[in-house]
Amino acid sequence: MMTKAKSGLKDKIIGKAKEVEGKITDDKLREAEGKAQQAKGKLKDKAAKVKKDIQEKD
């Protein structure tokens, strides 16, 4: 089972690859998709951290 943190890392890595691919091929849409996927990964990381912090308080 993949945790949200690992899933977030995966999204950040794949997103960066898409962004670089878009820059190399001058494909602005692909570049934007990559940036969006990276943002999604960062959000997943933050959500996992908040969840962990809440669980530690209980």
Protein backbone atom coordinates (compact mmCIF):
# COMPACT_ATOMS: atom_id res chain seq x y z
CA MET A 1 0.00 0.00 0.00
CA MET A 2 1.33 3.41 -0.98
CA THR A 3 1.18 6.10 1.67
CA LYS A 4 0.18 9.65 0.82
CA ALA A 5 3.76 10.80 1.38
CA LYS A 6 5.12 8.26 -1.09
CA SER A 7 2.33 9.09 -3.50
CA GLY A 8 3.22 12.78 -3.14
CA LEU A 9 6.86 12.06 -3.91
CA LYS A 10 5.83 10.04 -6.96
CA ASP A 11 3.69 12.92 -8.24
CA LYS A 12 6.52 15.40 -7.70
CA ILE A 13 9.02 13.25 -9.60
CA ILE A 14 6.68 12.48 -12.51
CA GLY A 15 5.57 16.11 -12.60
CA LYS A 16 9.16 17.34 -12.81
CA ALA A 17 9.83 14.91 -15.65
CA LYS A 18 6.77 16.21 -17.53
CA GLU A 19 7.82 19.81 -16.93
CA VAL A 20 11.33 19.16 -18.27
CA GLU A 21 9.91 17.25 -21.25
CA GLY A 22 7.64 20.20 -21.99
CA LYS A 23 10.55 22.64 -21.83
CA ILE A 24 12.69 20.49 -24.12
CA THR A 25 9.93 19.99 -26.69
CA ASP A 26 8.58 23.55 -26.28
CA ASP A 27 5.20 22.08 -25.30
CA LYS A 28 3.66 24.61 -22.91
CA LEU A 29 0.70 22.35 -22.10
CA ARG A 30 2.97 19.45 -21.07
CA GLU A 31 5.08 21.85 -19.02
CA ALA A 32 1.95 23.14 -17.24
CA GLU A 33 0.74 19.58 -16.62
CA GLY A 34 4.06 18.82 -14.98
CA LYS A 35 3.89 21.87 -12.74
CA ALA A 36 0.32 20.99 -11.75
CA GLN A 37 1.31 17.41 -10.91
CA GLN A 38 4.20 18.68 -8.79
CA ALA A 39 1.79 20.94 -6.91
CA LYS A 40 -0.49 17.95 -6.37
CA GLY A 41 2.44 16.02 -4.92
CA LYS A 42 3.33 18.86 -2.57
CA LEU A 43 -0.28 19.04 -1.41
CA LYS A 44 -0.33 15.29 -0.70
CA ASP A 45 2.87 15.66 1.33
CA LYS A 46 1.38 18.46 3.40
CA ALA A 47 -1.85 16.50 3.96
CA ALA A 48 0.13 13.48 5.14
CA LYS A 49 2.11 15.67 7.54
CA VAL A 50 -1.05 17.24 8.98
CA LYS A 51 -2.61 13.81 9.42
CA LYS A 52 0.52 12.55 11.18
CA ASP A 53 0.61 15.60 13.46
CA ILE A 54 -3.05 15.10 14.41
CA GLN A 55 -2.50 11.41 15.17
CA GLU A 56 0.50 12.22 17.36
CA LYS A 57 -1.58 14.62 19.46
CA ASP A 58 -4.12 11.90 20.29
